[in-house]
Amino acid sequence: MTAEHPERLGREHRLTSPRQFAAVQEAGVPFRGHHCVMLALARPGEPTRFGFIASRKGVGGAVQRNRARRRLREIVRRRRPRLPAAGYWFVFIASRTAVTTPHQDLATDVEHLLARAGALAPTSLDLH
């Protein structure tokens, strides 16, 4: 009897199959940031989902790849309430700098990419 953690980026919010990743890579619109690339694909009527890629060539060894994916996943998880519940699939592709850059710089980069895609709602601080 395992209860789903309320803040976890659950299975329903993740791209899980190679077919889903391939669909975003083929038809998604790329947005290039300083520390990652984001591919956005409009999927009207479907729940918004996220995928994270860190390649050996682009990021490094297993430890670095896992760290890059974890950092990106956490940044997206914390911003999920500001994202639409349905209508998009996103894939974030980490670059080598995603491992070592300060957290705030990486978070700002991700926010800029989501805003450029038109998916990020402003915070209450942005409204003033």
N, C-alpha and C. Protein backbone atom coordinates (compact mmCIF):
# COMPACT_ATOMS: atom_id res chain seq x y z
N MET A 1 0.83 -1.17 0.00
CA MET A 1 0.00 0.00 0.00
C MET A 1 0.88 1.24 0.00
N THR A 2 1.32 1.65 -1.18
CA THR A 2 2.17 2.82 -1.31
C THR A 2 1.35 3.99 -1.82
N ALA A 3 1.32 5.04 -1.05
CA ALA A 3 0.61 6.26 -1.45
C ALA A 3 1.55 7.11 -2.30
N GLU A 4 1.02 7.72 -3.34
CA GLU A 4 1.81 8.59 -4.20
C GLU A 4 2.19 9.85 -3.43
N HIS A 5 3.45 10.20 -3.48
CA HIS A 5 3.93 11.40 -2.81
C HIS A 5 3.28 12.61 -3.47
N PRO A 6 2.70 13.54 -2.70
CA PRO A 6 1.93 14.63 -3.27
C PRO A 6 2.74 15.60 -4.13
N GLU A 7 4.05 15.70 -3.90
CA GLU A 7 4.85 16.64 -4.66
C GLU A 7 5.65 15.98 -5.77
N ARG A 8 5.59 14.69 -5.87
CA ARG A 8 6.37 13.96 -6.86
C ARG A 8 5.84 14.23 -8.27
N LEU A 9 6.76 14.25 -9.23
CA LEU A 9 6.38 14.35 -10.63
C LEU A 9 5.97 12.94 -11.04
N GLY A 10 4.70 12.62 -10.86
CA GLY A 10 4.19 11.27 -11.02
C GLY A 10 4.23 10.75 -12.44
N ARG A 11 3.95 9.48 -12.56
CA ARG A 11 3.99 8.81 -13.86
C ARG A 11 3.08 9.47 -14.88
N GLU A 12 1.93 9.99 -14.43
CA GLU A 12 1.00 10.63 -15.35
C GLU A 12 1.54 11.96 -15.89
N HIS A 13 2.62 12.47 -15.28
CA HIS A 13 3.22 13.73 -15.72
C HIS A 13 4.56 13.54 -16.41
N ARG A 14 4.94 12.28 -16.68
CA ARG A 14 6.23 12.00 -17.31
C ARG A 14 6.01 11.31 -18.65
N LEU A 15 6.90 11.60 -19.58
CA LEU A 15 6.95 10.82 -20.81
C LEU A 15 7.64 9.52 -20.46
N THR A 16 7.01 8.39 -20.80
CA THR A 16 7.54 7.12 -20.32
C THR A 16 8.01 6.19 -21.43
N SER A 17 7.52 6.36 -22.64
CA SER A 17 7.89 5.40 -23.68
C SER A 17 8.79 6.06 -24.73
N PRO A 18 9.62 5.26 -25.38
CA PRO A 18 10.45 5.79 -26.46
C PRO A 18 9.59 6.42 -27.58
N ARG A 19 8.41 5.90 -27.78
CA ARG A 19 7.52 6.44 -28.81
C ARG A 19 7.10 7.88 -28.46
N GLN A 20 6.84 8.15 -27.18
CA GLN A 20 6.47 9.50 -26.76
C GLN A 20 7.65 10.47 -26.95
N PHE A 21 8.84 10.04 -26.55
CA PHE A 21 10.03 10.88 -26.74
C PHE A 21 10.26 11.14 -28.23
N ALA A 22 10.11 10.12 -29.06
CA ALA A 22 10.32 10.27 -30.50
C ALA A 22 9.32 11.25 -31.10
N ALA A 23 8.07 11.22 -30.64
CA ALA A 23 7.06 12.14 -31.16
C ALA A 23 7.45 13.58 -30.88
N VAL A 24 7.95 13.84 -29.68
CA VAL A 24 8.36 15.21 -29.33
C VAL A 24 9.60 15.60 -30.12
N GLN A 25 10.54 14.68 -30.28
CA GLN A 25 11.77 14.99 -31.00
C GLN A 25 11.51 15.23 -32.48
N GLU A 26 10.53 14.55 -33.05
CA GLU A 26 10.23 14.71 -34.47
C GLU A 26 9.44 15.99 -34.75
N ALA A 27 8.42 16.26 -33.94
CA ALA A 27 7.50 17.36 -34.26
C ALA A 27 7.57 18.53 -33.30
N GLY A 28 8.36 18.42 -32.22
CA GLY A 28 8.42 19.47 -31.22
C GLY A 28 9.18 20.69 -31.70
N VAL A 29 8.83 21.83 -31.14
CA VAL A 29 9.51 23.09 -31.45
C VAL A 29 10.67 23.25 -30.46
N PRO A 30 11.91 23.45 -30.97
CA PRO A 30 13.05 23.57 -30.06
C PRO A 30 13.20 24.99 -29.52
N PHE A 31 13.57 25.09 -28.26
CA PHE A 31 13.90 26.35 -27.61
C PHE A 31 15.25 26.13 -26.94
N ARG A 32 16.25 26.91 -27.36
CA ARG A 32 17.61 26.71 -26.85
C ARG A 32 17.89 27.68 -25.71
N GLY A 33 18.37 27.13 -24.61
CA GLY A 33 18.77 27.93 -23.46
C GLY A 33 20.27 27.83 -23.26
N HIS A 34 20.76 28.42 -22.18
CA HIS A 34 22.19 28.38 -21.89
C HIS A 34 22.64 27.02 -21.38
N HIS A 35 21.75 26.31 -20.67
CA HIS A 35 22.15 25.06 -20.01
C HIS A 35 21.36 23.84 -20.47
N CYS A 36 20.37 24.06 -21.31
CA CYS A 36 19.59 22.93 -21.84
C CYS A 36 18.80 23.38 -23.06
N VAL A 37 18.27 22.40 -23.76
CA VAL A 37 17.37 22.64 -24.88
C VAL A 37 16.03 22.06 -24.49
N MET A 38 14.97 22.79 -24.80
CA MET A 38 13.63 22.29 -24.51
C MET A 38 12.89 22.11 -25.82
N LEU A 39 12.29 20.95 -25.99
CA LEU A 39 11.41 20.70 -27.12
C LEU A 39 9.98 20.71 -26.61
N ALA A 40 9.12 21.47 -27.27
CA ALA A 40 7.72 21.58 -26.85
C ALA A 40 6.82 21.11 -27.98
N LEU A 41 5.87 20.26 -27.62
CA LEU A 41 4.92 19.74 -28.59
C LEU A 41 3.51 19.96 -28.04
N ALA A 42 2.68 20.65 -28.80
CA ALA A 42 1.29 20.86 -28.39
C ALA A 42 0.53 19.55 -28.52
N ARG A 43 -0.15 19.15 -27.46
CA ARG A 43 -0.96 17.93 -27.43
C ARG A 43 -2.31 18.27 -26.81
N PRO A 44 -3.18 18.97 -27.54
CA PRO A 44 -4.46 19.39 -26.97
C PRO A 44 -5.26 18.20 -26.44
N GLY A 45 -5.83 18.40 -25.25
CA GLY A 45 -6.66 17.37 -24.65
C GLY A 45 -5.92 16.30 -23.89
N GLU A 46 -4.60 16.31 -23.94
CA GLU A 46 -3.81 15.31 -23.22
C GLU A 46 -3.12 15.98 -22.04
N PRO A 47 -2.85 15.22 -20.96
CA PRO A 47 -2.17 15.82 -19.82
C PRO A 47 -0.76 16.29 -20.20
N THR A 48 -0.33 17.38 -19.60
CA THR A 48 1.02 17.87 -19.83
C THR A 48 2.00 16.88 -19.23
N ARG A 49 3.01 16.54 -20.03
CA ARG A 49 4.01 15.56 -19.61
C ARG A 49 5.41 16.10 -19.86
N PHE A 50 6.37 15.56 -19.13
CA PHE A 50 7.75 16.02 -19.21
C PHE A 50 8.68 14.83 -19.37
N GLY A 51 9.74 15.03 -20.14
CA GLY A 51 10.79 14.04 -20.28
C GLY A 51 12.13 14.73 -20.14
N PHE A 52 13.14 13.99 -19.70
CA PHE A 52 14.46 14.57 -19.45
C PHE A 52 15.51 13.66 -20.06
N ILE A 53 16.40 14.27 -20.86
CA ILE A 53 17.46 13.51 -21.53
C ILE A 53 18.79 14.11 -21.15
N ALA A 54 19.74 13.25 -20.83
CA ALA A 54 21.13 13.66 -20.61
C ALA A 54 22.00 12.58 -21.25
N SER A 55 22.61 12.91 -22.36
CA SER A 55 23.38 11.90 -23.09
C SER A 55 24.81 11.83 -22.58
N ARG A 56 25.44 10.71 -22.81
CA ARG A 56 26.84 10.52 -22.41
C ARG A 56 27.73 11.51 -23.14
N LYS A 57 27.47 11.70 -24.43
CA LYS A 57 28.29 12.62 -25.23
C LYS A 57 28.08 14.06 -24.78
N GLY A 58 26.84 14.44 -24.49
CA GLY A 58 26.54 15.82 -24.15
C GLY A 58 26.81 16.21 -22.72
N VAL A 59 26.72 15.25 -21.79
CA VAL A 59 26.83 15.59 -20.36
C VAL A 59 28.01 14.90 -19.69
N GLY A 60 28.22 13.62 -19.95
CA GLY A 60 29.34 12.92 -19.32
C GLY A 60 28.92 11.55 -18.82
N GLY A 61 29.59 11.12 -17.75
CA GLY A 61 29.36 9.80 -17.19
C GLY A 61 28.01 9.68 -16.50
N ALA A 62 27.76 8.49 -15.96
CA ALA A 62 26.46 8.19 -15.36
C ALA A 62 26.12 9.12 -14.20
N VAL A 63 27.09 9.43 -13.38
CA VAL A 63 26.83 10.30 -12.22
C VAL A 63 26.40 11.69 -12.70
N GLN A 64 27.12 12.23 -13.67
CA GLN A 64 26.77 13.55 -14.20
C GLN A 64 25.43 13.55 -14.90
N ARG A 65 25.15 12.50 -15.67
CA ARG A 65 23.86 12.41 -16.38
C ARG A 65 22.70 12.35 -15.40
N ASN A 66 22.83 11.52 -14.37
CA ASN A 66 21.77 11.41 -13.37
C ASN A 66 21.58 12.73 -12.62
N ARG A 67 22.68 13.39 -12.29
CA ARG A 67 22.59 14.68 -11.58
C ARG A 67 21.90 15.72 -12.46
N ALA A 68 22.24 15.78 -13.74
CA ALA A 68 21.61 16.75 -14.64
C ALA A 68 20.11 16.50 -14.75
N ARG A 69 19.71 15.24 -14.92
CA ARG A 69 18.28 14.92 -15.01
C ARG A 69 17.56 15.25 -13.72
N ARG A 70 18.15 14.90 -12.58
CA ARG A 70 17.52 15.20 -11.28
C ARG A 70 17.34 16.69 -11.07
N ARG A 71 18.35 17.47 -11.42
CA ARG A 71 18.25 18.93 -11.25
C ARG A 71 17.13 19.50 -12.12
N LEU A 72 17.09 19.10 -13.38
CA LEU A 72 16.03 19.60 -14.27
C LEU A 72 14.65 19.15 -13.80
N ARG A 73 14.55 17.90 -13.38
CA ARG A 73 13.27 17.37 -12.92
C ARG A 73 12.76 18.14 -11.70
N GLU A 74 13.64 18.46 -10.77
CA GLU A 74 13.25 19.19 -9.57
C GLU A 74 12.79 20.61 -9.92
N ILE A 75 13.49 21.25 -10.82
CA ILE A 75 13.11 22.61 -11.22
C ILE A 75 11.73 22.60 -11.87
N VAL A 76 11.48 21.65 -12.75
CA VAL A 76 10.17 21.56 -13.41
C VAL A 76 9.09 21.18 -12.39
N ARG A 77 9.40 20.27 -11.50
CA ARG A 77 8.42 19.84 -10.49
C ARG A 77 7.93 21.03 -9.66
N ARG A 78 8.85 21.90 -9.27
CA ARG A 78 8.47 23.05 -8.45
C ARG A 78 7.67 24.08 -9.23
N ARG A 79 7.77 24.09 -10.54
CA ARG A 79 7.03 25.05 -11.35
C ARG A 79 5.77 24.47 -11.97
N ARG A 80 5.50 23.20 -11.71
CA ARG A 80 4.33 22.55 -12.30
C ARG A 80 3.02 23.24 -11.99
N PRO A 81 2.80 23.81 -10.79
CA PRO A 81 1.53 24.51 -10.55
C PRO A 81 1.32 25.71 -11.48
N ARG A 82 2.39 26.26 -12.02
CA ARG A 82 2.28 27.41 -12.93
C ARG A 82 2.18 26.98 -14.39
N LEU A 83 2.19 25.69 -14.65
CA LEU A 83 2.10 25.17 -16.02
C LEU A 83 0.70 24.65 -16.29
N PRO A 84 0.28 24.65 -17.54
CA PRO A 84 -1.06 24.12 -17.84
C PRO A 84 -1.14 22.63 -17.52
N ALA A 85 -2.29 22.21 -17.03
CA ALA A 85 -2.48 20.80 -16.66
C ALA A 85 -2.58 19.91 -17.89
N ALA A 86 -2.94 20.47 -19.01
CA ALA A 86 -3.09 19.69 -20.24
C ALA A 86 -2.63 20.52 -21.43
N GLY A 87 -2.24 19.80 -22.48
CA GLY A 87 -1.97 20.48 -23.74
C GLY A 87 -0.55 20.48 -24.25
N TYR A 88 0.42 20.04 -23.45
CA TYR A 88 1.82 20.07 -23.89
C TYR A 88 2.56 18.79 -23.50
N TRP A 89 3.56 18.47 -24.32
CA TRP A 89 4.58 17.51 -23.95
C TRP A 89 5.90 18.25 -24.08
N PHE A 90 6.75 18.15 -23.07
CA PHE A 90 8.05 18.81 -23.07
C PHE A 90 9.16 17.79 -22.90
N VAL A 91 10.26 18.01 -23.61
CA VAL A 91 11.48 17.23 -23.41
C VAL A 91 12.60 18.22 -23.15
N PHE A 92 13.31 18.04 -22.04
CA PHE A 92 14.46 18.86 -21.71
C PHE A 92 15.71 18.04 -21.97
N ILE A 93 16.63 18.60 -22.76
CA ILE A 93 17.88 17.92 -23.08
C ILE A 93 19.00 18.70 -22.40
N ALA A 94 19.64 18.09 -21.44
CA ALA A 94 20.67 18.75 -20.64
C ALA A 94 21.96 18.91 -21.43
N SER A 95 22.64 20.01 -21.16
CA SER A 95 24.00 20.18 -21.68
C SER A 95 24.98 19.97 -20.53
N ARG A 96 26.24 19.99 -20.84
CA ARG A 96 27.27 19.72 -19.83
C ARG A 96 27.19 20.71 -18.67
N THR A 97 26.82 21.96 -18.94
CA THR A 97 26.78 22.98 -17.89
C THR A 97 25.61 22.79 -16.92
N ALA A 98 24.63 21.96 -17.27
CA ALA A 98 23.48 21.73 -16.39
C ALA A 98 23.90 21.04 -15.09
N VAL A 99 25.06 20.43 -15.07
CA VAL A 99 25.53 19.72 -13.88
C VAL A 99 26.17 20.69 -12.89
N THR A 100 26.91 21.67 -13.38
CA THR A 100 27.73 22.50 -12.50
C THR A 100 27.22 23.92 -12.29
N THR A 101 26.33 24.38 -13.12
CA THR A 101 25.84 25.75 -12.98
C THR A 101 25.07 25.92 -11.67
N PRO A 102 25.10 27.09 -11.06
CA PRO A 102 24.31 27.31 -9.85
C PRO A 102 22.82 27.05 -10.09
N HIS A 103 22.17 26.57 -9.06
CA HIS A 103 20.76 26.18 -9.17
C HIS A 103 19.89 27.32 -9.70
N GLN A 104 20.08 28.52 -9.20
CA GLN A 104 19.24 29.64 -9.62
C GLN A 104 19.42 29.96 -11.10
N ASP A 105 20.65 29.84 -11.61
CA ASP A 105 20.89 30.09 -13.04
C ASP A 105 20.18 29.04 -13.89
N LEU A 106 20.25 27.79 -13.46
CA LEU A 106 19.57 26.73 -14.20
C LEU A 106 18.06 26.91 -14.14
N ALA A 107 17.53 27.27 -12.97
CA ALA A 107 16.09 27.49 -12.82
C ALA A 107 15.62 28.65 -13.68
N THR A 108 16.39 29.72 -13.73
CA THR A 108 16.05 30.87 -14.56
C THR A 108 16.04 30.48 -16.03
N ASP A 109 17.02 29.68 -16.44
CA ASP A 109 17.08 29.21 -17.82
C ASP A 109 15.83 28.40 -18.18
N VAL A 110 15.44 27.47 -17.31
CA VAL A 110 14.25 26.65 -17.55
C VAL A 110 13.00 27.53 -17.60
N GLU A 111 12.89 28.49 -16.69
CA GLU A 111 11.73 29.38 -16.69
C GLU A 111 11.64 30.19 -17.98
N HIS A 112 12.78 30.67 -18.47
CA HIS A 112 12.78 31.44 -19.72
C HIS A 112 12.32 30.56 -20.88
N LEU A 113 12.77 29.32 -20.91
CA LEU A 113 12.36 28.42 -21.99
C LEU A 113 10.87 28.15 -21.94
N LEU A 114 10.34 27.87 -20.75
CA LEU A 114 8.90 27.62 -20.61
C LEU A 114 8.09 28.86 -20.97
N ALA A 115 8.58 30.03 -20.59
CA ALA A 115 7.87 31.27 -20.92
C ALA A 115 7.91 31.53 -22.42
N ARG A 116 9.03 31.27 -23.07
CA ARG A 116 9.12 31.46 -24.52
C ARG A 116 8.17 30.53 -25.26
N ALA A 117 7.91 29.36 -24.68
CA ALA A 117 6.97 28.42 -25.29
C ALA A 117 5.52 28.82 -25.00
N GLY A 118 5.33 29.82 -24.14
CA GLY A 118 3.99 30.28 -23.81
C GLY A 118 3.28 29.39 -22.81
N ALA A 119 4.03 28.62 -22.03
CA ALA A 119 3.41 27.66 -21.12
C ALA A 119 3.50 28.06 -19.66
N LEU A 120 4.31 29.03 -19.31
CA LEU A 120 4.52 29.36 -17.90
C LEU A 120 3.69 30.57 -17.51
N ALA A 121 2.81 30.38 -16.52
CA ALA A 121 2.01 31.49 -16.00
C ALA A 121 2.90 32.36 -15.11
N PRO A 122 2.67 33.66 -15.09
CA PRO A 122 3.49 34.52 -14.23
C PRO A 122 3.21 34.25 -12.76
N THR A 123 4.20 34.53 -11.93
CA THR A 123 4.02 34.41 -10.49
C THR A 123 3.27 35.62 -9.99
N SER A 124 2.82 35.58 -8.75
CA SER A 124 2.11 36.73 -8.18
C SER A 124 3.05 37.92 -8.08
N LEU A 125 4.35 37.69 -7.97
CA LEU A 125 5.32 38.78 -7.92
C LEU A 125 5.47 39.45 -9.28
N ASP A 126 5.29 38.67 -10.38
CA ASP A 126 5.43 39.21 -11.73
C ASP A 126 4.26 40.11 -12.11
N LEU A 127 3.15 40.02 -11.40
CA LEU A 127 1.94 40.76 -11.77
C LEU A 127 1.99 42.22 -11.33
N HIS A 128 2.91 42.58 -10.45
CA HIS A 128 2.95 43.94 -9.93
C HIS A 128 3.72 44.86 -10.85
